[in-house]
Each structure stands twice: as C-alpha cells, then as structure tokens.
PDB file of N, CA and C in Angstrom:
ATOM      1  N   MET A   1      -5.115  30.160 -11.675  1.00  0.00           N
ATOM      2  CA  MET A   1      -5.902  30.160 -10.338  1.00  0.00           C
ATOM      3  C   MET A   1      -6.192  29.282  -9.654  1.00  0.00           C
ATOM      4  N   ARG A   2      -7.575  29.186 -10.375  1.00  0.00           N
ATOM      5  CA  ARG A   2      -8.636  28.183  -9.584  1.00  0.00           C
ATOM      6  C   ARG A   2      -7.662  26.983  -9.721  1.00  0.00           C
ATOM      7  N   HIS A   3      -7.558  26.460 -10.730  1.00  0.00           N
ATOM      8  CA  HIS A   3      -6.555  25.021 -10.452  1.00  0.00           C
ATOM      9  C   HIS A   3      -5.290  24.863  -9.443  1.00  0.00           C
ATOM     10  N   ALA A   4      -4.543  25.757  -9.147  1.00  0.00           N
ATOM     11  CA  ALA A   4      -3.481  26.068  -8.476  1.00  0.00           C
ATOM     12  C   ALA A   4      -4.248  25.860  -6.807  1.00  0.00           C
ATOM     13  N   ARG A   5      -5.530  26.673  -6.861  1.00  0.00           N
ATOM     14  CA  ARG A   5      -5.692  26.735  -5.382  1.00  0.00           C
ATOM     15  C   ARG A   5      -6.291  25.073  -5.292  1.00  0.00           C
ATOM     16  N   ARG A   6      -6.832  24.648  -6.195  1.00  0.00           N
ATOM     17  CA  ARG A   6      -7.397  22.995  -6.176  1.00  0.00           C
ATOM     18  C   ARG A   6      -6.311  21.763  -5.690  1.00  0.00           C
ATOM     19  N   ARG A   7      -5.089  22.370  -6.591  1.00  0.00           N
ATOM     20  CA  ARG A   7      -3.767  21.719  -6.091  1.00  0.00           C
ATOM     21  C   ARG A   7      -3.676  21.727  -4.519  1.00  0.00           C
ATOM     22  N   GLN A   8      -3.695  23.182  -4.350  1.00  0.00           N
ATOM     23  CA  GLN A   8      -3.058  23.404  -2.789  1.00  0.00           C
ATOM     24  C   GLN A   8      -3.941  22.500  -1.753  1.00  0.00           C
ATOM     25  N   ALA A   9      -5.366  22.984  -2.422  1.00  0.00           N
ATOM     26  CA  ALA A   9      -6.330  22.079  -1.552  1.00  0.00           C
ATOM     27  C   ALA A   9      -5.848  20.281  -1.494  1.00  0.00           C
ATOM     28  N   ILE A  10      -5.464  20.108  -2.032  1.00  0.00           N
ATOM     29  CA  ILE A  10      -5.363  18.394  -2.699  1.00  0.00           C
ATOM     30  C   ILE A  10      -3.932  18.110  -1.241  1.00  0.00           C
ATOM     31  N   GLU A  11      -2.677  18.960  -1.603  1.00  0.00           N
ATOM     32  CA  GLU A  11      -2.166  19.001  -0.965  1.00  0.00           C
ATOM     33  C   GLU A  11      -1.602  18.785   0.450  1.00  0.00           C
ATOM     34  N   GLN A  12      -2.798  19.581   0.944  1.00  0.00           N
ATOM     35  CA  GLN A  12      -2.929  20.322   2.148  1.00  0.00           C
ATOM     36  C   GLN A  12      -4.094  18.552   2.911  1.00  0.00           C
ATOM     37  N   ALA A  13      -5.090  18.888   2.399  1.00  0.00           N
ATOM     38  CA  ALA A  13      -6.024  17.523   2.595  1.00  0.00           C
ATOM     39  C   ALA A  13      -4.833  16.393   2.752  1.00  0.00           C
ATOM     40  N   ILE A  14      -4.345  16.018   1.927  1.00  0.00           N
ATOM     41  CA  ILE A  14      -3.383  14.511   1.938  1.00  0.00           C
ATOM     42  C   ILE A  14      -2.336  14.897   3.601  1.00  0.00           C
ATOM     43  N   VAL A  15      -1.794  15.527   3.617  1.00  0.00           N
ATOM     44  CA  VAL A  15      -0.813  15.618   4.833  1.00  0.00           C
ATOM     45  C   VAL A  15      -1.904  15.819   5.932  1.00  0.00           C
ATOM     46  N   THR A  16      -3.138  16.516   5.857  1.00  0.00           N
ATOM     47  CA  THR A  16      -3.822  16.968   7.431  1.00  0.00           C
ATOM     48  C   THR A  16      -4.475  15.499   7.464  1.00  0.00           C
ATOM     49  N   HIS A  17      -5.085  14.814   6.435  1.00  0.00           N
ATOM     50  CA  HIS A  17      -6.138  13.347   6.717  1.00  0.00           C
ATOM     51  C   HIS A  17      -5.117  12.340   6.478  1.00  0.00           C
ATOM     52  N   LEU A  18      -3.721  12.060   5.920  1.00  0.00           N
ATOM     53  CA  LEU A  18      -2.917  11.237   5.625  1.00  0.00           C
ATOM     54  C   LEU A  18      -1.645  11.092   6.498  1.00  0.00           C
ATOM     55  N   GLY A  19      -1.712  11.901   6.565  1.00  0.00           N
ATOM     56  CA  GLY A  19       0.098  12.112   7.173  1.00  0.00           C
ATOM     57  C   GLY A  19       0.896  12.361   6.083  1.00  0.00           C
ATOM     58  N   GLU A  20       2.540  12.286   6.521  1.00  0.00           N
ATOM     59  CA  GLU A  20       3.656  12.498   5.350  1.00  0.00           C
ATOM     60  C   GLU A  20       3.692  11.334   5.026  1.00  0.00           C
ATOM     61  N   THR A  21       3.371   9.991   5.537  1.00  0.00           N
ATOM     62  CA  THR A  21       4.056   8.839   5.157  1.00  0.00           C
ATOM     63  C   THR A  21       3.489   8.354   3.428  1.00  0.00           C
ATOM     64  N   GLU A  22       2.586   9.201   2.882  1.00  0.00           N
ATOM     65  CA  GLU A  22       2.030   8.941   1.466  1.00  0.00           C
ATOM     66  C   GLU A  22       3.058   9.496   0.846  1.00  0.00           C
ATOM     67  N   THR A  23       2.912   9.696  -0.501  1.00  0.00           N
ATOM     68  CA  THR A  23       3.825  10.414  -1.496  1.00  0.00           C
ATOM     69  C   THR A  23       2.562  11.022  -2.521  1.00  0.00           C
ATOM     70  N   LEU A  24       2.511  12.289  -2.967  1.00  0.00           N
ATOM     71  CA  LEU A  24       2.069  12.703  -4.217  1.00  0.00           C
ATOM     72  C   LEU A  24       2.573  13.184  -4.680  1.00  0.00           C
ATOM     73  N   THR A  25       2.341  12.692  -6.289  1.00  0.00           N
ATOM     74  CA  THR A  25       3.544  13.015  -7.678  1.00  0.00           C
ATOM     75  C   THR A  25       2.912  13.645  -8.638  1.00  0.00           C
ATOM     76  N   GLY A  26       3.327  14.088  -9.489  1.00  0.00           N
ATOM     77  CA  GLY A  26       2.221  14.628 -10.708  1.00  0.00           C
ATOM     78  C   GLY A  26       1.425  15.742 -10.334  1.00  0.00           C
ATOM     79  N   ARG A  27       1.809  16.760  -9.376  1.00  0.00           N
ATOM     80  CA  ARG A  27       0.877  17.740  -8.901  1.00  0.00           C
ATOM     81  C   ARG A  27       0.654  18.758  -9.518  1.00  0.00           C
ATOM     82  N   HIS A  28       1.719  19.100 -10.017  1.00  0.00           N
ATOM     83  CA  HIS A  28       2.128  20.181 -10.945  1.00  0.00           C
ATOM     84  C   HIS A  28       1.737  20.330 -12.277  1.00  0.00           C
ATOM     85  N   ILE A  29       1.250  19.396 -13.021  1.00  0.00           N
ATOM     86  CA  ILE A  29       1.056  18.825 -13.988  1.00  0.00           C
ATOM     87  C   ILE A  29      -0.581  18.321 -14.372  1.00  0.00           C
ATOM     88  N   GLY A  30      -1.174  19.377 -15.331  1.00  0.00           N
ATOM     89  CA  GLY A  30      -2.465  18.475 -15.558  1.00  0.00           C
ATOM     90  C   GLY A  30      -3.719  19.024 -14.130  1.00  0.00           C
ATOM     91  N   LEU A  31      -4.449  17.845 -14.457  1.00  0.00           N
ATOM     92  CA  LEU A  31      -5.915  18.428 -13.401  1.00  0.00           C
ATOM     93  C   LEU A  31      -5.911  17.000 -12.270  1.00  0.00           C
ATOM     94  N   HIS A  32      -5.003  16.400 -12.321  1.00  0.00           N
ATOM     95  CA  HIS A  32      -4.370  15.044 -11.442  1.00  0.00           C
ATOM     96  C   HIS A  32      -3.082  14.677 -11.544  1.00  0.00           C
ATOM     97  N   ALA A  33      -3.524  14.157 -10.004  1.00  0.00           N
ATOM     98  CA  ALA A  33      -2.070  13.638  -9.248  1.00  0.00           C
ATOM     99  C   ALA A  33      -1.903  12.180  -9.031  1.00  0.00           C
ATOM    100  N   LEU A  34      -0.704  11.507  -8.849  1.00  0.00           N
ATOM    101  CA  LEU A  34      -0.499  10.278  -7.850  1.00  0.00           C
ATOM    102  C   LEU A  34      -0.273  10.406  -6.829  1.00  0.00           C
ATOM    103  N   LEU A  35      -1.608   9.686  -6.233  1.00  0.00           N
ATOM    104  CA  LEU A  35      -1.377   9.147  -4.350  1.00  0.00           C
ATOM    105  C   LEU A  35      -0.491   7.510  -4.694  1.00  0.00           C
ATOM    106  N   TRP A  36       0.405   7.782  -4.204  1.00  0.00           N
ATOM    107  CA  TRP A  36       1.528   6.507  -3.806  1.00  0.00           C
ATOM    108  C   TRP A  36       1.191   6.009  -2.088  1.00  0.00           C
ATOM    109  N   LEU A  37       0.254   5.150  -1.600  1.00  0.00           N
ATOM    110  CA  LEU A  37      -0.047   5.026  -0.703  1.00  0.00           C
ATOM    111  C   LEU A  37       1.160   3.401  -0.257  1.00  0.00           C
ATOM    112  N   GLU A  38       2.200   3.776   0.500  1.00  0.00           N
ATOM    113  CA  GLU A  38       2.974   3.357   1.111  1.00  0.00           C
ATOM    114  C   GLU A  38       2.719   2.278   1.993  1.00  0.00           C
ATOM    115  N   ARG A  39       1.336   2.161   2.571  1.00  0.00           N
ATOM    116  CA  ARG A  39       0.847   1.025   3.641  1.00  0.00           C
ATOM    117  C   ARG A  39       0.008   0.040   2.882  1.00  0.00           C
ATOM    118  N   LEU A  40      -0.082   0.158   1.888  1.00  0.00           N
ATOM    119  CA  LEU A  40      -0.750  -0.641   0.345  1.00  0.00           C
ATOM    120  C   LEU A  40      -0.059  -1.710  -0.159  1.00  0.00           C
ATOM    121  N   ASN A  41      -0.731  -2.511  -0.584  1.00  0.00           N
ATOM    122  CA  ASN A  41      -0.321  -3.673  -1.881  1.00  0.00           C
ATOM    123  C   ASN A  41      -1.224  -3.352  -2.673  1.00  0.00           C
ATOM    124  N   SER A  42      -0.526  -2.952  -4.101  1.00  0.00           N
ATOM    125  CA  SER A  42      -1.850  -2.832  -5.049  1.00  0.00           C
ATOM    126  C   SER A  42      -2.918  -4.043  -5.016  1.00  0.00           C
ATOM    127  N   SER A  43      -2.525  -5.127  -4.437  1.00  0.00           N
ATOM    128  CA  SER A  43      -3.710  -5.790  -4.604  1.00  0.00           C
ATOM    129  C   SER A  43      -4.893  -5.482  -3.706  1.00  0.00           C
ATOM    130  N   GLU A  44      -4.512  -4.733  -2.544  1.00  0.00           N
ATOM    131  CA  GLU A  44      -5.525  -4.423  -1.373  1.00  0.00           C
ATOM    132  C   GLU A  44      -6.523  -3.332  -2.193  1.00  0.00           C
ATOM    133  N   LEU A  45      -6.092  -2.992  -3.575  1.00  0.00           N
ATOM    134  CA  LEU A  45      -6.844  -1.458  -4.004  1.00  0.00           C
ATOM    135  C   LEU A  45      -8.164  -1.820  -4.264  1.00  0.00           C
ATOM    136  N   PRO A  46      -8.808  -2.725  -5.022  1.00  0.00           N
ATOM    137  CA  PRO A  46     -10.232  -3.047  -5.014  1.00  0.00           C
ATOM    138  C   PRO A  46     -10.897  -3.208  -3.823  1.00  0.00           C
ATOM    139  N   LEU A  47     -10.229  -3.415  -2.912  1.00  0.00           N
ATOM    140  CA  LEU A  47     -10.920  -3.274  -1.464  1.00  0.00           C
ATOM    141  C   LEU A  47     -10.924  -1.974  -0.870  1.00  0.00           C
ATOM    142  N   LEU A  48     -10.023  -1.406  -0.836  1.00  0.00           N
ATOM    143  CA  LEU A  48      -9.797   0.393  -0.688  1.00  0.00           C
ATOM    144  C   LEU A  48     -10.941   1.328  -1.339  1.00  0.00           C
ATOM    145  N   ARG A  49     -11.128   0.616  -2.975  1.00  0.00           N
ATOM    146  CA  ARG A  49     -12.046   1.430  -4.145  1.00  0.00           C
ATOM    147  C   ARG A  49     -13.483   1.041  -3.321  1.00  0.00           C
ATOM    148  N   ARG A  50     -13.993  -0.225  -2.649  1.00  0.00           N
ATOM    149  CA  ARG A  50     -15.254  -0.123  -2.385  1.00  0.00           C
ATOM    150  C   ARG A  50     -15.394   0.325  -1.120  1.00  0.00           C
ATOM    151  N   LEU A  51     -14.706   0.681  -0.046  1.00  0.00           N
ATOM    152  CA  LEU A  51     -14.656   1.001   1.439  1.00  0.00           C
ATOM    153  C   LEU A  51     -14.705   2.798   0.851  1.00  0.00           C
ATOM    154  N   ALA A  52     -14.060   3.451  -0.163  1.00  0.00           N
ATOM    155  CA  ALA A  52     -14.122   4.786  -0.489  1.00  0.00           C
ATOM    156  C   ALA A  52     -15.197   4.948  -0.844  1.00  0.00           C
ATOM    157  N   ALA A  53     -15.786   3.912  -1.840  1.00  0.00           N
ATOM    158  CA  ALA A  53     -16.879   4.380  -2.763  1.00  0.00           C
ATOM    159  C   ALA A  53     -18.396   4.672  -1.313  1.00  0.00           C
ATOM    160  N   ASP A  54     -17.997   3.804  -0.346  1.00  0.00           N
ATOM    161  CA  ASP A  54     -19.251   3.407   0.618  1.00  0.00           C
ATOM    162  C   ASP A  54     -19.206   4.704   1.380  1.00  0.00           C
ATOM    163  N   ARG A  55     -18.480   5.433   1.314  1.00  0.00           N
ATOM    164  CA  ARG A  55     -18.101   6.708   2.103  1.00  0.00           C
ATOM    165  C   ARG A  55     -18.434   7.859   0.746  1.00  0.00           C
ATOM    166  N   GLY A  56     -18.933   7.730  -0.384  1.00  0.00           N
ATOM    167  CA  GLY A  56     -19.144   8.581  -1.370  1.00  0.00           C
ATOM    168  C   GLY A  56     -17.779   9.576  -2.479  1.00  0.00           C
ATOM    169  N   VAL A  57     -16.614   8.379  -2.176  1.00  0.00           N
ATOM    170  CA  VAL A  57     -15.155   8.755  -2.768  1.00  0.00           C
ATOM    171  C   VAL A  57     -15.016   7.800  -3.763  1.00  0.00           C
ATOM    172  N   GLY A  58     -14.851   8.331  -5.091  1.00  0.00           N
ATOM    173  CA  GLY A  58     -14.190   7.588  -6.159  1.00  0.00           C
ATOM    174  C   GLY A  58     -12.959   7.783  -6.338  1.00  0.00           C
ATOM    175  N   VAL A  59     -12.124   6.820  -6.412  1.00  0.00           N
ATOM    176  CA  VAL A  59     -10.597   6.970  -6.510  1.00  0.00           C
ATOM    177  C   VAL A  59     -10.737   5.207  -7.422  1.00  0.00           C
ATOM    178  N   TYR A  60      -9.236   5.866  -8.373  1.00  0.00           N
ATOM    179  CA  TYR A  60      -9.199   4.871  -9.492  1.00  0.00           C
ATOM    180  C   TYR A  60      -7.421   4.162  -9.205  1.00  0.00           C
ATOM    181  N   PRO A  61      -6.992   3.193  -9.027  1.00  0.00           N
ATOM    182  CA  PRO A  61      -5.785   2.660  -9.388  1.00  0.00           C
ATOM    183  C   PRO A  61      -4.955   2.974 -10.237  1.00  0.00           C
ATOM    184  N   VAL A  62      -3.849   2.839 -10.439  1.00  0.00           N
ATOM    185  CA  VAL A  62      -2.615   3.592 -11.712  1.00  0.00           C
ATOM    186  C   VAL A  62      -2.407   2.016 -12.026  1.00  0.00           C
ATOM    187  N   THR A  63      -2.953   0.824 -11.959  1.00  0.00           N
ATOM    188  CA  THR A  63      -2.510  -0.424 -12.082  1.00  0.00           C
ATOM    189  C   THR A  63      -3.411  -0.438 -13.471  1.00  0.00           C
ATOM    190  N   PRO A  64      -4.301  -0.245 -14.189  1.00  0.00           N
ATOM    191  CA  PRO A  64      -3.999  -0.576 -15.812  1.00  0.00           C
ATOM    192  C   PRO A  64      -3.442   0.399 -16.447  1.00  0.00           C
ATOM    193  N   PHE A  65      -2.590   1.320 -16.073  1.00  0.00           N
ATOM    194  CA  PHE A  65      -1.842   2.268 -17.030  1.00  0.00           C
ATOM    195  C   PHE A  65      -0.197   1.343 -16.668  1.00  0.00           C
ATOM    196  N   TYR A  66      -0.391   0.508 -16.098  1.00  0.00           N
ATOM    197  CA  TYR A  66       1.297  -0.518 -16.289  1.00  0.00           C
ATOM    198  C   TYR A  66       1.037  -1.816 -16.911  1.00  0.00           C
ATOM    199  N   VAL A  67       1.875  -2.339 -17.314  1.00  0.00           N
ATOM    200  CA  VAL A  67       2.488  -3.279 -17.914  1.00  0.00           C
ATOM    201  C   VAL A  67       2.326  -4.228 -16.865  1.00  0.00           C
ATOM    202  N   ARG A  68       3.042  -4.419 -15.806  1.00  0.00           N
ATOM    203  CA  ARG A  68       3.441  -4.873 -14.475  1.00  0.00           C
ATOM    204  C   ARG A  68       2.992  -4.451 -13.705  1.00  0.00           C
ATOM    205  N   PRO A  69       2.034  -4.597 -12.844  1.00  0.00           N
ATOM    206  CA  PRO A  69       1.533  -3.742 -11.721  1.00  0.00           C
ATOM    207  C   PRO A  69       2.263  -3.496 -11.035  1.00  0.00           C
ATOM    208  N   PRO A  70       2.397  -2.035 -10.602  1.00  0.00           N
ATOM    209  CA  PRO A  70       3.463  -1.698  -9.500  1.00  0.00           C
ATOM    210  C   PRO A  70       3.328  -2.447  -7.954  1.00  0.00           C
ATOM    211  N   GLN A  71       4.422  -2.685  -7.280  1.00  0.00           N
ATOM    212  CA  GLN A  71       4.148  -2.719  -6.128  1.00  0.00           C
ATOM    213  C   GLN A  71       3.480  -2.253  -5.132  1.00  0.00           C
ATOM    214  N   ARG A  72       3.690  -0.949  -5.113  1.00  0.00           N
ATOM    215  CA  ARG A  72       2.835  -0.185  -4.097  1.00  0.00           C
ATOM    216  C   ARG A  72       1.763   0.569  -4.871  1.00  0.00           C
ATOM    217  N   ALA A  73       0.519   0.633  -4.090  1.00  0.00           N
ATOM    218  CA  ALA A  73      -0.408   1.229  -4.478  1.00  0.00           C
ATOM    219  C   ALA A  73      -0.662   2.262  -4.639  1.00  0.00           C
ATOM    220  N   GLY A  74      -1.029   2.626  -5.746  1.00  0.00           N
ATOM    221  CA  GLY A  74      -1.195   4.130  -6.270  1.00  0.00           C
ATOM    222  C   GLY A  74      -2.541   4.276  -7.082  1.00  0.00           C
ATOM    223  N   LEU A  75      -2.951   5.846  -6.480  1.00  0.00           N
ATOM    224  CA  LEU A  75      -4.260   5.555  -7.175  1.00  0.00           C
ATOM    225  C   LEU A  75      -4.043   7.085  -7.820  1.00  0.00           C
ATOM    226  N   LEU A  76      -5.031   6.989  -8.816  1.00  0.00           N
ATOM    227  CA  LEU A  76      -5.088   8.315  -9.553  1.00  0.00           C
ATOM    228  C   LEU A  76      -6.145   9.771  -8.816  1.00  0.00           C
ATOM    229  N   LEU A  77      -6.075  10.741  -8.774  1.00  0.00           N
ATOM    230  CA  LEU A  77      -6.783  11.763  -8.157  1.00  0.00           C
ATOM    231  C   LEU A  77      -7.116  12.681  -9.052  1.00  0.00           C
ATOM    232  N   GLY A  78      -8.618  12.874  -9.024  1.00  0.00           N
ATOM    233  CA  GLY A  78      -8.402  14.384 -10.579  1.00  0.00           C
ATOM    234  C   GLY A  78      -9.475  15.348  -9.412  1.00  0.00           C
ATOM    235  N   TYR A  79      -9.071  16.198  -9.882  1.00  0.00           N
ATOM    236  CA  TYR A  79      -9.580  17.337  -8.877  1.00  0.00           C
ATOM    237  C   TYR A  79     -10.596  18.461  -9.555  1.00  0.00           C
ATOM    238  N   SER A  80     -10.543  18.374 -10.492  1.00  0.00           N
ATOM    239  CA  SER A  80     -10.251  20.058 -11.874  1.00  0.00           C
ATOM    240  C   SER A  80     -11.782  19.882 -11.563  1.00  0.00           C
ATOM    241  N   SER A  81     -12.797  19.193 -11.274  1.00  0.00           N
ATOM    242  CA  SER A  81     -14.679  19.413 -11.197  1.00  0.00           C
ATOM    243  C   SER A  81     -14.770  19.520  -9.639  1.00  0.00           C
ATOM    244  N   SER A  82     -13.687  19.388  -8.938  1.00  0.00           N
ATOM    245  CA  SER A  82     -14.193  19.544  -7.317  1.00  0.00           C
ATOM    246  C   SER A  82     -13.833  20.868  -6.753  1.00  0.00           C
ATOM    247  N   ASN A  83     -14.652  21.264  -5.670  1.00  0.00           N
ATOM    248  CA  ASN A  83     -14.028  22.521  -4.828  1.00  0.00           C
ATOM    249  C   ASN A  83     -12.921  22.405  -3.773  1.00  0.00           C
ATOM    250  N   GLU A  84     -12.729  22.987  -3.434  1.00  0.00           N
ATOM    251  CA  GLU A  84     -11.838  22.920  -2.027  1.00  0.00           C
ATOM    252  C   GLU A  84     -12.207  21.939  -0.967  1.00  0.00           C
ATOM    253  N   ALA A  85     -13.446  22.509  -0.522  1.00  0.00           N
ATOM    254  CA  ALA A  85     -13.937  21.888   0.256  1.00  0.00           C
ATOM    255  C   ALA A  85     -14.584  20.095  -0.070  1.00  0.00           C
ATOM    256  N   GLN A  86     -14.838  20.266  -1.545  1.00  0.00           N
ATOM    257  CA  GLN A  86     -15.110  18.720  -1.804  1.00  0.00           C
ATOM    258  C   GLN A  86     -14.045  18.001  -1.680  1.00  0.00           C
ATOM    259  N   ILE A  87     -12.786  18.614  -2.017  1.00  0.00           N
ATOM    260  CA  ILE A  87     -11.508  18.010  -1.868  1.00  0.00           C
ATOM    261  C   ILE A  87     -11.079  17.192  -0.716  1.00  0.00           C
ATOM    262  N   ASP A  88     -11.043  18.402   0.221  1.00  0.00           N
ATOM    263  CA  ASP A  88     -10.967  17.991   1.381  1.00  0.00           C
ATOM    264  C   ASP A  88     -12.266  16.854   2.193  1.00  0.00           C
ATOM    265  N   ALA A  89     -12.903  16.873   2.100  1.00  0.00           N
ATOM    266  CA  ALA A  89     -13.797  15.974   2.438  1.00  0.00           C
ATOM    267  C   ALA A  89     -13.934  14.484   1.898  1.00  0.00           C
ATOM    268  N   GLY A  90     -13.250  14.906   0.588  1.00  0.00           N
ATOM    269  CA  GLY A  90     -13.070  13.229  -0.589  1.00  0.00           C
ATOM    270  C   GLY A  90     -11.675  12.711   0.135  1.00  0.00           C
ATOM    271  N   ILE A  91     -10.726  13.918   0.303  1.00  0.00           N
ATOM    272  CA  ILE A  91      -9.574  13.283   0.981  1.00  0.00           C
ATOM    273  C   ILE A  91      -9.707  12.490   2.398  1.00  0.00           C
ATOM    274  N   GLU A  92     -10.869  13.235   2.929  1.00  0.00           N
ATOM    275  CA  GLU A  92     -10.918  12.697   4.384  1.00  0.00           C
ATOM    276  C   GLU A  92     -11.734  11.433   4.539  1.00  0.00           C
ATOM    277  N   GLY A  93     -12.187  11.276   3.692  1.00  0.00           N
ATOM    278  CA  GLY A  93     -13.077  10.126   3.222  1.00  0.00           C
ATOM    279  C   GLY A  93     -12.214   8.733   2.890  1.00  0.00           C
ATOM    280  N   LEU A  94     -11.226   8.703   2.180  1.00  0.00           N
ATOM    281  CA  LEU A  94     -10.335   8.030   1.805  1.00  0.00           C
ATOM    282  C   LEU A  94      -9.402   7.706   3.044  1.00  0.00           C
ATOM    283  N   ALA A  95      -8.840   8.450   3.909  1.00  0.00           N
ATOM    284  CA  ALA A  95      -8.374   8.690   5.036  1.00  0.00           C
ATOM    285  C   ALA A  95      -9.276   7.363   5.640  1.00  0.00           C
ATOM    286  N   ASP A  96     -10.238   7.623   6.022  1.00  0.00           N
ATOM    287  CA  ASP A  96     -11.281   6.861   6.508  1.00  0.00           C
ATOM    288  C   ASP A  96     -11.208   5.504   6.203  1.00  0.00           C
ATOM    289  N   ALA A  97     -11.330   5.124   4.798  1.00  0.00           N
ATOM    290  CA  ALA A  97     -11.832   4.082   4.271  1.00  0.00           C
ATOM    291  C   ALA A  97     -10.280   3.302   4.432  1.00  0.00           C
ATOM    292  N   LEU A  98      -9.280   4.080   4.131  1.00  0.00           N
ATOM    293  CA  LEU A  98      -7.952   3.274   4.659  1.00  0.00           C
ATOM    294  C   LEU A  98      -7.902   2.630   5.922  1.00  0.00           C
ATOM    295  N   ARG A  99      -8.148   3.528   7.176  1.00  0.00           N
ATOM    296  CA  ARG A  99      -7.832   2.862   8.003  1.00  0.00           C
ATOM    297  C   ARG A  99      -8.799   1.989   8.492  1.00  0.00           C
ATOM    298  N   GLN A 100     -10.054   2.123   7.914  1.00  0.00           N
ATOM    299  CA  GLN A 100     -11.099   0.514   7.975  1.00  0.00           C
ATOM    300  C   GLN A 100     -10.047  -0.563   7.541  1.00  0.00           C
ATOM    301  N   LEU A 101      -9.636  -0.265   6.239  1.00  0.00           N
ATOM    302  CA  LEU A 101      -8.911  -1.724   5.305  1.00  0.00           C
ATOM    303  C   LEU A 101      -7.741  -2.029   6.528  1.00  0.00           C
ATOM    304  N   GLU A 102      -7.080  -1.294   7.038  1.00  0.00           N
ATOM    305  CA  GLU A 102      -6.094  -1.492   8.502  1.00  0.00           C
ATOM    306  C   GLU A 102      -6.805  -2.234   9.368  1.00  0.00           C
ATOM    307  N   ARG A 103      -7.760  -1.490   9.824  1.00  0.00           N
ATOM    308  CA  ARG A 103      -8.110  -2.771  10.900  1.00  0.00           C
ATOM    309  C   ARG A 103      -8.479  -3.886  10.355  1.00  0.00           C
ATOM    310  N   GLN A 104      -9.236  -3.579   9.441  1.00  0.00           N
ATOM    311  CA  GLN A 104      -9.720  -5.046   8.913  1.00  0.00           C
ATOM    312  C   GLN A 104      -8.817  -6.192   8.832  1.00  0.00           C
ATOM    313  N   ARG A 105      -7.726  -5.653   8.192  1.00  0.00           N
ATOM    314  CA  ARG A 105      -6.278  -6.394   8.292  1.00  0.00           C
ATOM    315  C   ARG A 105      -5.186  -6.875   9.318  1.00  0.00           C
ATOM    316  N   GLY A 106      -5.630  -6.221  10.549  1.00  0.00           N
ATOM    317  CA  GLY A 106      -5.152  -6.164  11.894  1.00  0.00           C
ATOM    318  C   GLY A 106      -4.029  -5.559  12.267  1.00  0.00           C
ATOM    319  N   ASP A 107      -4.202  -4.506  11.323  1.00  0.00           N
ATOM    320  CA  ASP A 107      -2.883  -3.840  11.384  1.00  0.00           C
ATOM    321  C   ASP A 107      -3.148  -2.746  12.687  1.00  0.00           C
TER     322      ASP A 107
END
C-alpha cells in the first residue's frame, strides 16, 4: 500500500509539473519508473543532471543500460525511499531544471 501511494504520487507530480508531453513507463513494477523526456536528446542528459543536482534532485540517465544510447532522453526514477511530499518536490525541481535547460538552448 505504501509503495502504491508513492507510485501514484510520482504519476501525479509528473502530470502537475511536467505536463503530459513526457512518458512514464514501468511504473507498475518494482520501485523505479522510467521517465522519457520527449523534449530532450540523450546528449543533453549530463547538463540536466547537473541542473537537477543544483536543486537537490538526483536523476539517473538510462543510457548506461543500453548498448546504443536511445534517441530520446530517459531517466530512471527511484521512489522507494521518498515520501509523497518529497516525490512532488523532486519532480518539481526536475521540471525547473528542464525549463532552465530549455531557456539555455533558446527554446
């Protein structure tokens, strides 16, 4: 039950802070989910990681799990050790980092 609430929190936070353009997969298994960022290329993930880290948010690219990096940018999100408020704050910080990255590239 506790993990189901956390899973619901991550789903809601993504819709609230990132909108529906991003795709969350793998959310019904385990304690991680994959977030595909349709607005980014995989090559932009290192900068997004740094910007998110500046906000106290740790994100992990999926690229190390692929032989050839996927075209779209993906993040592995773990949520088992966070409560619902922390999940929301983390996704909000990630969304802020994503907006900063987009501003820097002139979107």
